[in-house]
Amino acid sequence: MIDITLYHYLFVGLVLFVTGLTGSIICKNVIKVLICIEFILTGVNINFVAFATYCGSPSFDGYIMALFYIAIGAVEFALALYIFYLMYGYKKSDKIDNYGDL
């Protein structure tokens, strides 16, 4: 049986972060870029919770930061999706290259 250590959680967070970073650089679709940014935030949240759990801190700083990032990520995604919805009405395209005039 394998014991799950801090390094396992850090590896999962790193994989999510790198996947999100790579996807946000490569993708040309606005919705895909927004989802990749959410992957980045999820990787950071996993690291916050992992460090808060394994470092034995009596305060809940890592958990509070993770909840804060989840709230910020949800608001960011909703606002970006709304702005994309408004711009899609004018441009009729979902490619990032067409939104350079923002």
PDB file of N, CA and C in Angstrom:
ATOM      1  N   MET A   1       0.837  -1.180   0.000  1.00  0.00           N
ATOM      2  CA  MET A   1       0.000   0.000   0.000  1.00  0.00           C
ATOM      3  C   MET A   1       0.890   1.254   0.000  1.00  0.00           C
ATOM      4  N   ILE A   2       0.507   2.203  -0.793  1.00  0.00           N
ATOM      5  CA  ILE A   2       1.304   3.419  -0.947  1.00  0.00           C
ATOM      6  C   ILE A   2       0.788   4.494   0.014  1.00  0.00           C
ATOM      7  N   ASP A   3       1.717   5.080   0.750  1.00  0.00           N
ATOM      8  CA  ASP A   3       1.359   6.208   1.601  1.00  0.00           C
ATOM      9  C   ASP A   3       1.377   7.477   0.768  1.00  0.00           C
ATOM     10  N   ILE A   4       0.319   8.237   0.853  1.00  0.00           N
ATOM     11  CA  ILE A   4       0.237   9.495   0.094  1.00  0.00           C
ATOM     12  C   ILE A   4       0.889  10.583   0.938  1.00  0.00           C
ATOM     13  N   THR A   5       1.922  11.179   0.371  1.00  0.00           N
ATOM     14  CA  THR A   5       2.670  12.207   1.090  1.00  0.00           C
ATOM     15  C   THR A   5       2.407  13.574   0.471  1.00  0.00           C
ATOM     16  N   LEU A   6       3.093  14.546   1.012  1.00  0.00           N
ATOM     17  CA  LEU A   6       2.969  15.913   0.513  1.00  0.00           C
ATOM     18  C   LEU A   6       3.407  16.008  -0.944  1.00  0.00           C
ATOM     19  N   TYR A   7       4.400  15.252  -1.323  1.00  0.00           N
ATOM     20  CA  TYR A   7       4.933  15.315  -2.683  1.00  0.00           C
ATOM     21  C   TYR A   7       3.924  14.851  -3.723  1.00  0.00           C
ATOM     22  N   HIS A   8       3.081  13.923  -3.354  1.00  0.00           N
ATOM     23  CA  HIS A   8       2.036  13.478  -4.280  1.00  0.00           C
ATOM     24  C   HIS A   8       1.058  14.617  -4.574  1.00  0.00           C
ATOM     25  N   TYR A   9       0.643  15.316  -3.537  1.00  0.00           N
ATOM     26  CA  TYR A   9      -0.267  16.451  -3.737  1.00  0.00           C
ATOM     27  C   TYR A   9       0.403  17.574  -4.524  1.00  0.00           C
ATOM     28  N   LEU A  10       1.675  17.819  -4.224  1.00  0.00           N
ATOM     29  CA  LEU A  10       2.396  18.855  -4.966  1.00  0.00           C
ATOM     30  C   LEU A  10       2.548  18.481  -6.430  1.00  0.00           C
ATOM     31  N   PHE A  11       2.735  17.195  -6.709  1.00  0.00           N
ATOM     32  CA  PHE A  11       2.843  16.751  -8.094  1.00  0.00           C
ATOM     33  C   PHE A  11       1.516  16.943  -8.830  1.00  0.00           C
ATOM     34  N   VAL A  12       0.409  16.611  -8.191  1.00  0.00           N
ATOM     35  CA  VAL A  12      -0.910  16.813  -8.808  1.00  0.00           C
ATOM     36  C   VAL A  12      -1.152  18.299  -9.054  1.00  0.00           C
ATOM     37  N   GLY A  13      -0.805  19.144  -8.078  1.00  0.00           N
ATOM     38  CA  GLY A  13      -0.941  20.586  -8.260  1.00  0.00           C
ATOM     39  C   GLY A  13      -0.075  21.112  -9.386  1.00  0.00           C
ATOM     40  N   LEU A  14       1.144  20.585  -9.491  1.00  0.00           N
ATOM     41  CA  LEU A  14       2.047  20.991 -10.568  1.00  0.00           C
ATOM     42  C   LEU A  14       1.506  20.571 -11.928  1.00  0.00           C
ATOM     43  N   VAL A  15       0.982  19.351 -12.023  1.00  0.00           N
ATOM     44  CA  VAL A  15       0.431  18.883 -13.296  1.00  0.00           C
ATOM     45  C   VAL A  15      -0.745  19.745 -13.721  1.00  0.00           C
ATOM     46  N   LEU A  16      -1.635  20.065 -12.785  1.00  0.00           N
ATOM     47  CA  LEU A  16      -2.770  20.932 -13.125  1.00  0.00           C
ATOM     48  C   LEU A  16      -2.309  22.325 -13.529  1.00  0.00           C
ATOM     49  N   PHE A  17      -1.324  22.867 -12.801  1.00  0.00           N
ATOM     50  CA  PHE A  17      -0.829  24.207 -13.108  1.00  0.00           C
ATOM     51  C   PHE A  17      -0.188  24.253 -14.488  1.00  0.00           C
ATOM     52  N   VAL A  18       0.668  23.281 -14.798  1.00  0.00           N
ATOM     53  CA  VAL A  18       1.359  23.261 -16.092  1.00  0.00           C
ATOM     54  C   VAL A  18       0.363  23.001 -17.222  1.00  0.00           C
ATOM     55  N   THR A  19      -0.623  22.134 -16.988  1.00  0.00           N
ATOM     56  CA  THR A  19      -1.648  21.888 -17.996  1.00  0.00           C
ATOM     57  C   THR A  19      -2.436  23.163 -18.292  1.00  0.00           C
ATOM     58  N   GLY A  20      -2.822  23.874 -17.248  1.00  0.00           N
ATOM     59  CA  GLY A  20      -3.545  25.127 -17.442  1.00  0.00           C
ATOM     60  C   GLY A  20      -2.713  26.196 -18.113  1.00  0.00           C
ATOM     61  N   LEU A  21      -1.447  26.283 -17.727  1.00  0.00           N
ATOM     62  CA  LEU A  21      -0.564  27.280 -18.333  1.00  0.00           C
ATOM     63  C   LEU A  21      -0.323  26.985 -19.802  1.00  0.00           C
ATOM     64  N   THR A  22      -0.068  25.726 -20.115  1.00  0.00           N
ATOM     65  CA  THR A  22       0.151  25.332 -21.509  1.00  0.00           C
ATOM     66  C   THR A  22      -1.107  25.552 -22.340  1.00  0.00           C
ATOM     67  N   GLY A  23      -2.244  25.166 -21.800  1.00  0.00           N
ATOM     68  CA  GLY A  23      -3.504  25.344 -22.526  1.00  0.00           C
ATOM     69  C   GLY A  23      -3.856  26.796 -22.747  1.00  0.00           C
ATOM     70  N   SER A  24      -3.580  27.650 -21.765  1.00  0.00           N
ATOM     71  CA  SER A  24      -3.905  29.070 -21.942  1.00  0.00           C
ATOM     72  C   SER A  24      -2.983  29.742 -22.948  1.00  0.00           C
ATOM     73  N   ILE A  25      -1.776  29.220 -23.137  1.00  0.00           N
ATOM     74  CA  ILE A  25      -0.864  29.774 -24.138  1.00  0.00           C
ATOM     75  C   ILE A  25      -1.203  29.255 -25.527  1.00  0.00           C
ATOM     76  N   ILE A  26      -1.532  27.975 -25.631  1.00  0.00           N
ATOM     77  CA  ILE A  26      -1.731  27.346 -26.938  1.00  0.00           C
ATOM     78  C   ILE A  26      -3.115  27.615 -27.522  1.00  0.00           C
ATOM     79  N   CYS A  27      -4.158  27.552 -26.707  1.00  0.00           N
ATOM     80  CA  CYS A  27      -5.540  27.611 -27.210  1.00  0.00           C
ATOM     81  C   CYS A  27      -5.883  28.983 -27.777  1.00  0.00           C
ATOM     82  N   LYS A  28      -6.699  28.980 -28.806  1.00  0.00           N
ATOM     83  CA  LYS A  28      -7.168  30.222 -29.415  1.00  0.00           C
ATOM     84  C   LYS A  28      -8.634  30.491 -29.109  1.00  0.00           C
ATOM     85  N   ASN A  29      -9.307  29.541 -28.470  1.00  0.00           N
ATOM     86  CA  ASN A  29     -10.705  29.694 -28.135  1.00  0.00           C
ATOM     87  C   ASN A  29     -10.831  30.337 -26.753  1.00  0.00           C
ATOM     88  N   VAL A  30     -11.699  31.316 -26.622  1.00  0.00           N
ATOM     89  CA  VAL A  30     -11.824  32.065 -25.375  1.00  0.00           C
ATOM     90  C   VAL A  30     -12.305  31.170 -24.237  1.00  0.00           C
ATOM     91  N   ILE A  31     -13.267  30.319 -24.484  1.00  0.00           N
ATOM     92  CA  ILE A  31     -13.799  29.450 -23.441  1.00  0.00           C
ATOM     93  C   ILE A  31     -12.732  28.472 -22.952  1.00  0.00           C
ATOM     94  N   LYS A  32     -11.933  27.936 -23.862  1.00  0.00           N
ATOM     95  CA  LYS A  32     -10.863  27.020 -23.468  1.00  0.00           C
ATOM     96  C   LYS A  32      -9.818  27.735 -22.614  1.00  0.00           C
ATOM     97  N   VAL A  33      -9.517  28.973 -22.938  1.00  0.00           N
ATOM     98  CA  VAL A  33      -8.547  29.733 -22.151  1.00  0.00           C
ATOM     99  C   VAL A  33      -9.091  29.977 -20.751  1.00  0.00           C
ATOM    100  N   LEU A  34     -10.369  30.287 -20.628  1.00  0.00           N
ATOM    101  CA  LEU A  34     -10.968  30.491 -19.306  1.00  0.00           C
ATOM    102  C   LEU A  34     -10.927  29.213 -18.476  1.00  0.00           C
ATOM    103  N   ILE A  35     -11.194  28.087 -19.093  1.00  0.00           N
ATOM    104  CA  ILE A  35     -11.135  26.818 -18.377  1.00  0.00           C
ATOM    105  C   ILE A  35      -9.694  26.498 -17.968  1.00  0.00           C
ATOM    106  N   CYS A  36      -8.730  26.828 -18.810  1.00  0.00           N
ATOM    107  CA  CYS A  36      -7.332  26.601 -18.469  1.00  0.00           C
ATOM    108  C   CYS A  36      -6.893  27.487 -17.300  1.00  0.00           C
ATOM    109  N   ILE A  37      -7.411  28.682 -17.232  1.00  0.00           N
ATOM    110  CA  ILE A  37      -7.112  29.548 -16.088  1.00  0.00           C
ATOM    111  C   ILE A  37      -7.700  28.959 -14.813  1.00  0.00           C
ATOM    112  N   GLU A  38      -8.851  28.337 -14.904  1.00  0.00           N
ATOM    113  CA  GLU A  38      -9.426  27.649 -13.751  1.00  0.00           C
ATOM    114  C   GLU A  38      -8.554  26.467 -13.335  1.00  0.00           C
ATOM    115  N   PHE A  39      -7.937  25.766 -14.294  1.00  0.00           N
ATOM    116  CA  PHE A  39      -7.002  24.688 -13.961  1.00  0.00           C
ATOM    117  C   PHE A  39      -5.821  25.245 -13.165  1.00  0.00           C
ATOM    118  N   ILE A  40      -5.323  26.400 -13.574  1.00  0.00           N
ATOM    119  CA  ILE A  40      -4.208  27.023 -12.866  1.00  0.00           C
ATOM    120  C   ILE A  40      -4.603  27.322 -11.425  1.00  0.00           C
ATOM    121  N   LEU A  41      -5.777  27.903 -11.237  1.00  0.00           N
ATOM    122  CA  LEU A  41      -6.229  28.224  -9.883  1.00  0.00           C
ATOM    123  C   LEU A  41      -6.461  26.962  -9.047  1.00  0.00           C
ATOM    124  N   THR A  42      -6.917  25.890  -9.676  1.00  0.00           N
ATOM    125  CA  THR A  42      -7.121  24.643  -8.948  1.00  0.00           C
ATOM    126  C   THR A  42      -5.787  24.042  -8.505  1.00  0.00           C
ATOM    127  N   GLY A  43      -4.780  24.110  -9.355  1.00  0.00           N
ATOM    128  CA  GLY A  43      -3.453  23.629  -8.969  1.00  0.00           C
ATOM    129  C   GLY A  43      -2.887  24.405  -7.794  1.00  0.00           C
ATOM    130  N   VAL A  44      -3.092  25.710  -7.779  1.00  0.00           N
ATOM    131  CA  VAL A  44      -2.627  26.535  -6.668  1.00  0.00           C
ATOM    132  C   VAL A  44      -3.400  26.192  -5.402  1.00  0.00           C
ATOM    133  N   ASN A  45      -4.704  25.972  -5.521  1.00  0.00           N
ATOM    134  CA  ASN A  45      -5.511  25.621  -4.352  1.00  0.00           C
ATOM    135  C   ASN A  45      -5.087  24.285  -3.751  1.00  0.00           C
ATOM    136  N   ILE A  46      -4.763  23.309  -4.591  1.00  0.00           N
ATOM    137  CA  ILE A  46      -4.298  22.021  -4.077  1.00  0.00           C
ATOM    138  C   ILE A  46      -3.006  22.205  -3.291  1.00  0.00           C
ATOM    139  N   ASN A  47      -2.127  23.054  -3.770  1.00  0.00           N
ATOM    140  CA  ASN A  47      -0.881  23.306  -3.042  1.00  0.00           C
ATOM    141  C   ASN A  47      -1.136  24.013  -1.719  1.00  0.00           C
ATOM    142  N   PHE A  48      -2.041  24.982  -1.689  1.00  0.00           N
ATOM    143  CA  PHE A  48      -2.374  25.667  -0.432  1.00  0.00           C
ATOM    144  C   PHE A  48      -2.900  24.689   0.606  1.00  0.00           C
ATOM    145  N   VAL A  49      -3.840  23.842   0.204  1.00  0.00           N
ATOM    146  CA  VAL A  49      -4.432  22.894   1.145  1.00  0.00           C
ATOM    147  C   VAL A  49      -3.421  21.837   1.563  1.00  0.00           C
ATOM    148  N   ALA A  50      -2.581  21.394   0.646  1.00  0.00           N
ATOM    149  CA  ALA A  50      -1.570  20.392   0.986  1.00  0.00           C
ATOM    150  C   ALA A  50      -0.577  20.945   1.991  1.00  0.00           C
ATOM    151  N   PHE A  51      -0.105  22.154   1.769  1.00  0.00           N
ATOM    152  CA  PHE A  51       0.841  22.745   2.726  1.00  0.00           C
ATOM    153  C   PHE A  51       0.172  23.014   4.068  1.00  0.00           C
ATOM    154  N   ALA A  52      -1.074  23.428   4.056  1.00  0.00           N
ATOM    155  CA  ALA A  52      -1.772  23.678   5.319  1.00  0.00           C
ATOM    156  C   ALA A  52      -1.984  22.381   6.094  1.00  0.00           C
ATOM    157  N   THR A  53      -2.194  21.279   5.377  1.00  0.00           N
ATOM    158  CA  THR A  53      -2.427  19.997   6.036  1.00  0.00           C
ATOM    159  C   THR A  53      -1.132  19.386   6.558  1.00  0.00           C
ATOM    160  N   TYR A  54      -0.100  19.385   5.753  1.00  0.00           N
ATOM    161  CA  TYR A  54       1.123  18.670   6.114  1.00  0.00           C
ATOM    162  C   TYR A  54       2.114  19.485   6.925  1.00  0.00           C
ATOM    163  N   CYS A  55       1.968  20.784   6.965  1.00  0.00           N
ATOM    164  CA  CYS A  55       2.918  21.583   7.738  1.00  0.00           C
ATOM    165  C   CYS A  55       2.497  21.740   9.192  1.00  0.00           C
ATOM    166  N   GLY A  56       1.300  21.296   9.531  1.00  0.00           N
ATOM    167  CA  GLY A  56       0.872  21.294  10.921  1.00  0.00           C
ATOM    168  C   GLY A  56       0.616  22.665  11.493  1.00  0.00           C
ATOM    169  N   SER A  57       0.210  23.586  10.670  1.00  0.00           N
ATOM    170  CA  SER A  57      -0.084  24.930  11.154  1.00  0.00           C
ATOM    171  C   SER A  57      -1.407  24.922  11.921  1.00  0.00           C
ATOM    172  N   PRO A  58      -1.416  25.456  13.125  1.00  0.00           N
ATOM    173  CA  PRO A  58      -2.677  25.457  13.886  1.00  0.00           C
ATOM    174  C   PRO A  58      -3.720  26.422  13.312  1.00  0.00           C
ATOM    175  N   SER A  59      -3.269  27.416  12.576  1.00  0.00           N
ATOM    176  CA  SER A  59      -4.221  28.320  11.929  1.00  0.00           C
ATOM    177  C   SER A  59      -4.621  27.731  10.582  1.00  0.00           C
ATOM    178  N   PHE A  60      -5.703  28.197  10.074  1.00  0.00           N
ATOM    179  CA  PHE A  60      -6.246  27.659   8.822  1.00  0.00           C
ATOM    180  C   PHE A  60      -5.929  28.578   7.643  1.00  0.00           C
ATOM    181  N   ASP A  61      -4.713  29.066   7.567  1.00  0.00           N
ATOM    182  CA  ASP A  61      -4.337  30.022   6.532  1.00  0.00           C
ATOM    183  C   ASP A  61      -4.445  29.423   5.133  1.00  0.00           C
ATOM    184  N   GLY A  62      -3.979  28.211   4.943  1.00  0.00           N
ATOM    185  CA  GLY A  62      -4.031  27.579   3.620  1.00  0.00           C
ATOM    186  C   GLY A  62      -5.455  27.338   3.163  1.00  0.00           C
ATOM    187  N   TYR A  63      -6.309  26.911   4.087  1.00  0.00           N
ATOM    188  CA  TYR A  63      -7.707  26.661   3.733  1.00  0.00           C
ATOM    189  C   TYR A  63      -8.441  27.958   3.420  1.00  0.00           C
ATOM    190  N   ILE A  64      -8.136  28.993   4.177  1.00  0.00           N
ATOM    191  CA  ILE A  64      -8.769  30.296   3.942  1.00  0.00           C
ATOM    192  C   ILE A  64      -8.338  30.861   2.598  1.00  0.00           C
ATOM    193  N   MET A  65      -7.050  30.726   2.281  1.00  0.00           N
ATOM    194  CA  MET A  65      -6.567  31.200   0.980  1.00  0.00           C
ATOM    195  C   MET A  65      -7.191  30.402  -0.156  1.00  0.00           C
ATOM    196  N   ALA A  66      -7.367  29.099   0.032  1.00  0.00           N
ATOM    197  CA  ALA A  66      -7.988  28.272  -1.000  1.00  0.00           C
ATOM    198  C   ALA A  66      -9.439  28.700  -1.223  1.00  0.00           C
ATOM    199  N   LEU A  67     -10.174  28.943  -0.158  1.00  0.00           N
ATOM    200  CA  LEU A  67     -11.557  29.420  -0.298  1.00  0.00           C
ATOM    201  C   LEU A  67     -11.611  30.794  -0.957  1.00  0.00           C
ATOM    202  N   PHE A  68     -10.652  31.645  -0.606  1.00  0.00           N
ATOM    203  CA  PHE A  68     -10.579  32.972  -1.218  1.00  0.00           C
ATOM    204  C   PHE A  68     -10.319  32.854  -2.718  1.00  0.00           C
ATOM    205  N   TYR A  69      -9.393  31.977  -3.108  1.00  0.00           N
ATOM    206  CA  TYR A  69      -9.094  31.787  -4.527  1.00  0.00           C
ATOM    207  C   TYR A  69     -10.256  31.162  -5.281  1.00  0.00           C
ATOM    208  N   ILE A  70     -11.004  30.273  -4.626  1.00  0.00           N
ATOM    209  CA  ILE A  70     -12.185  29.695  -5.275  1.00  0.00           C
ATOM    210  C   ILE A  70     -13.218  30.781  -5.530  1.00  0.00           C
ATOM    211  N   ALA A  71     -13.425  31.654  -4.558  1.00  0.00           N
ATOM    212  CA  ALA A  71     -14.386  32.743  -4.735  1.00  0.00           C
ATOM    213  C   ALA A  71     -13.930  33.707  -5.823  1.00  0.00           C
ATOM    214  N   ILE A  72     -12.663  34.070  -5.804  1.00  0.00           N
ATOM    215  CA  ILE A  72     -12.123  34.970  -6.828  1.00  0.00           C
ATOM    216  C   ILE A  72     -12.205  34.312  -8.207  1.00  0.00           C
ATOM    217  N   GLY A  73     -11.895  33.028  -8.285  1.00  0.00           N
ATOM    218  CA  GLY A  73     -11.961  32.315  -9.560  1.00  0.00           C
ATOM    219  C   GLY A  73     -13.375  32.252 -10.117  1.00  0.00           C
ATOM    220  N   ALA A  74     -14.355  32.047  -9.245  1.00  0.00           N
ATOM    221  CA  ALA A  74     -15.742  31.992  -9.703  1.00  0.00           C
ATOM    222  C   ALA A  74     -16.204  33.349 -10.224  1.00  0.00           C
ATOM    223  N   VAL A  75     -15.850  34.403  -9.523  1.00  0.00           N
ATOM    224  CA  VAL A  75     -16.221  35.752  -9.970  1.00  0.00           C
ATOM    225  C   VAL A  75     -15.496  36.098 -11.260  1.00  0.00           C
ATOM    226  N   GLU A  76     -14.220  35.756 -11.344  1.00  0.00           N
ATOM    227  CA  GLU A  76     -13.439  36.026 -12.556  1.00  0.00           C
ATOM    228  C   GLU A  76     -14.018  35.297 -13.760  1.00  0.00           C
ATOM    229  N   PHE A  77     -14.382  34.038 -13.565  1.00  0.00           N
ATOM    230  CA  PHE A  77     -14.935  33.254 -14.664  1.00  0.00           C
ATOM    231  C   PHE A  77     -16.283  33.814 -15.106  1.00  0.00           C
ATOM    232  N   ALA A  78     -17.119  34.203 -14.157  1.00  0.00           N
ATOM    233  CA  ALA A  78     -18.437  34.749 -14.502  1.00  0.00           C
ATOM    234  C   ALA A  78     -18.305  36.081 -15.244  1.00  0.00           C
ATOM    235  N   LEU A  79     -17.422  36.955 -14.782  1.00  0.00           N
ATOM    236  CA  LEU A  79     -17.240  38.242 -15.457  1.00  0.00           C
ATOM    237  C   LEU A  79     -16.626  38.080 -16.844  1.00  0.00           C
ATOM    238  N   ALA A  80     -15.648  37.212 -16.954  1.00  0.00           N
ATOM    239  CA  ALA A  80     -15.028  36.992 -18.256  1.00  0.00           C
ATOM    240  C   ALA A  80     -16.010  36.356 -19.238  1.00  0.00           C
ATOM    241  N   LEU A  81     -16.831  35.450 -18.749  1.00  0.00           N
ATOM    242  CA  LEU A  81     -17.832  34.829 -19.611  1.00  0.00           C
ATOM    243  C   LEU A  81     -18.872  35.842 -20.066  1.00  0.00           C
ATOM    244  N   TYR A  82     -19.247  36.762 -19.179  1.00  0.00           N
ATOM    245  CA  TYR A  82     -20.206  37.801 -19.549  1.00  0.00           C
ATOM    246  C   TYR A  82     -19.606  38.763 -20.572  1.00  0.00           C
ATOM    247  N   ILE A  83     -18.348  39.157 -20.365  1.00  0.00           N
ATOM    248  CA  ILE A  83     -17.685  40.038 -21.330  1.00  0.00           C
ATOM    249  C   ILE A  83     -17.556  39.348 -22.677  1.00  0.00           C
ATOM    250  N   PHE A  84     -17.229  38.045 -22.668  1.00  0.00           N
ATOM    251  CA  PHE A  84     -17.156  37.293 -23.913  1.00  0.00           C
ATOM    252  C   PHE A  84     -18.528  37.238 -24.588  1.00  0.00           C
ATOM    253  N   TYR A  85     -19.578  37.057 -23.813  1.00  0.00           N
ATOM    254  CA  TYR A  85     -20.933  37.019 -24.359  1.00  0.00           C
ATOM    255  C   TYR A  85     -21.283  38.346 -25.042  1.00  0.00           C
ATOM    256  N   LEU A  86     -20.912  39.455 -24.407  1.00  0.00           N
ATOM    257  CA  LEU A  86     -21.176  40.768 -25.010  1.00  0.00           C
ATOM    258  C   LEU A  86     -20.355  40.986 -26.274  1.00  0.00           C
ATOM    259  N   MET A  87     -19.089  40.605 -26.240  1.00  0.00           N
ATOM    260  CA  MET A  87     -18.235  40.797 -27.400  1.00  0.00           C
ATOM    261  C   MET A  87     -18.592  39.843 -28.534  1.00  0.00           C
ATOM    262  N   TYR A  88     -19.114  38.658 -28.196  1.00  0.00           N
ATOM    263  CA  TYR A  88     -19.512  37.705 -29.229  1.00  0.00           C
ATOM    264  C   TYR A  88     -20.684  38.245 -30.040  1.00  0.00           C
ATOM    265  N   GLY A  89     -21.516  39.072 -29.398  1.00  0.00           N
ATOM    266  CA  GLY A  89     -22.618  39.690 -30.127  1.00  0.00           C
ATOM    267  C   GLY A  89     -22.128  40.642 -31.213  1.00  0.00           C
ATOM    268  N   TYR A  90     -20.971  41.271 -31.002  1.00  0.00           N
ATOM    269  CA  TYR A  90     -20.419  42.185 -31.995  1.00  0.00           C
ATOM    270  C   TYR A  90     -19.538  41.477 -33.024  1.00  0.00           C
ATOM    271  N   LYS A  91     -18.690  40.580 -32.568  1.00  0.00           N
ATOM    272  CA  LYS A  91     -17.680  39.978 -33.438  1.00  0.00           C
ATOM    273  C   LYS A  91     -18.137  38.698 -34.125  1.00  0.00           C
ATOM    274  N   LYS A  92     -19.067  37.956 -33.526  1.00  0.00           N
ATOM    275  CA  LYS A  92     -19.552  36.664 -34.059  1.00  0.00           C
ATOM    276  C   LYS A  92     -18.409  35.660 -34.237  1.00  0.00           C
ATOM    277  N   SER A  93     -17.461  35.666 -33.305  1.00  0.00           N
ATOM    278  CA  SER A  93     -16.336  34.742 -33.365  1.00  0.00           C
ATOM    279  C   SER A  93     -15.897  34.405 -31.947  1.00  0.00           C
ATOM    280  N   ASP A  94     -15.345  33.213 -31.776  1.00  0.00           N
ATOM    281  CA  ASP A  94     -14.842  32.820 -30.464  1.00  0.00           C
ATOM    282  C   ASP A  94     -13.320  32.728 -30.431  1.00  0.00           C
ATOM    283  N   LYS A  95     -12.643  33.250 -31.419  1.00  0.00           N
ATOM    284  CA  LYS A  95     -11.197  33.234 -31.479  1.00  0.00           C
ATOM    285  C   LYS A  95     -10.624  34.456 -30.773  1.00  0.00           C
ATOM    286  N   ILE A  96      -9.540  34.251 -30.030  1.00  0.00           N
ATOM    287  CA  ILE A  96      -8.938  35.331 -29.258  1.00  0.00           C
ATOM    288  C   ILE A  96      -8.348  36.401 -30.154  1.00  0.00           C
ATOM    289  N   ASP A  97      -7.867  36.031 -31.316  1.00  0.00           N
ATOM    290  CA  ASP A  97      -7.236  36.994 -32.209  1.00  0.00           C
ATOM    291  C   ASP A  97      -8.194  38.094 -32.645  1.00  0.00           C
ATOM    292  N   ASN A  98      -9.472  37.824 -32.643  1.00  0.00           N
ATOM    293  CA  ASN A  98     -10.463  38.831 -33.064  1.00  0.00           C
ATOM    294  C   ASN A  98     -10.822  39.818 -31.971  1.00  0.00           C
ATOM    295  N   TYR A  99     -10.333  39.580 -30.763  1.00  0.00           N
ATOM    296  CA  TYR A  99     -10.668  40.450 -29.634  1.00  0.00           C
ATOM    297  C   TYR A  99      -9.492  41.307 -29.206  1.00  0.00           C
ATOM    298  N   GLY A 100      -8.636  41.679 -30.096  1.00  0.00           N
ATOM    299  CA  GLY A 100      -7.477  42.487 -29.786  1.00  0.00           C
ATOM    300  C   GLY A 100      -7.794  43.928 -29.458  1.00  0.00           C
ATOM    301  N   ASP A 101      -8.984  44.402 -29.785  1.00  0.00           N
ATOM    302  CA  ASP A 101      -9.330  45.804 -29.557  1.00  0.00           C
ATOM    303  C   ASP A 101      -9.841  46.065 -28.152  1.00  0.00           C
ATOM    304  N   LEU A 102      -9.860  45.067 -27.273  1.00  0.00           N
ATOM    305  CA  LEU A 102     -10.263  45.297 -25.895  1.00  0.00           C
ATOM    306  C   LEU A 102      -9.217  46.123 -25.199  1.00  0.00           C
TER     307      LEU A 102
END
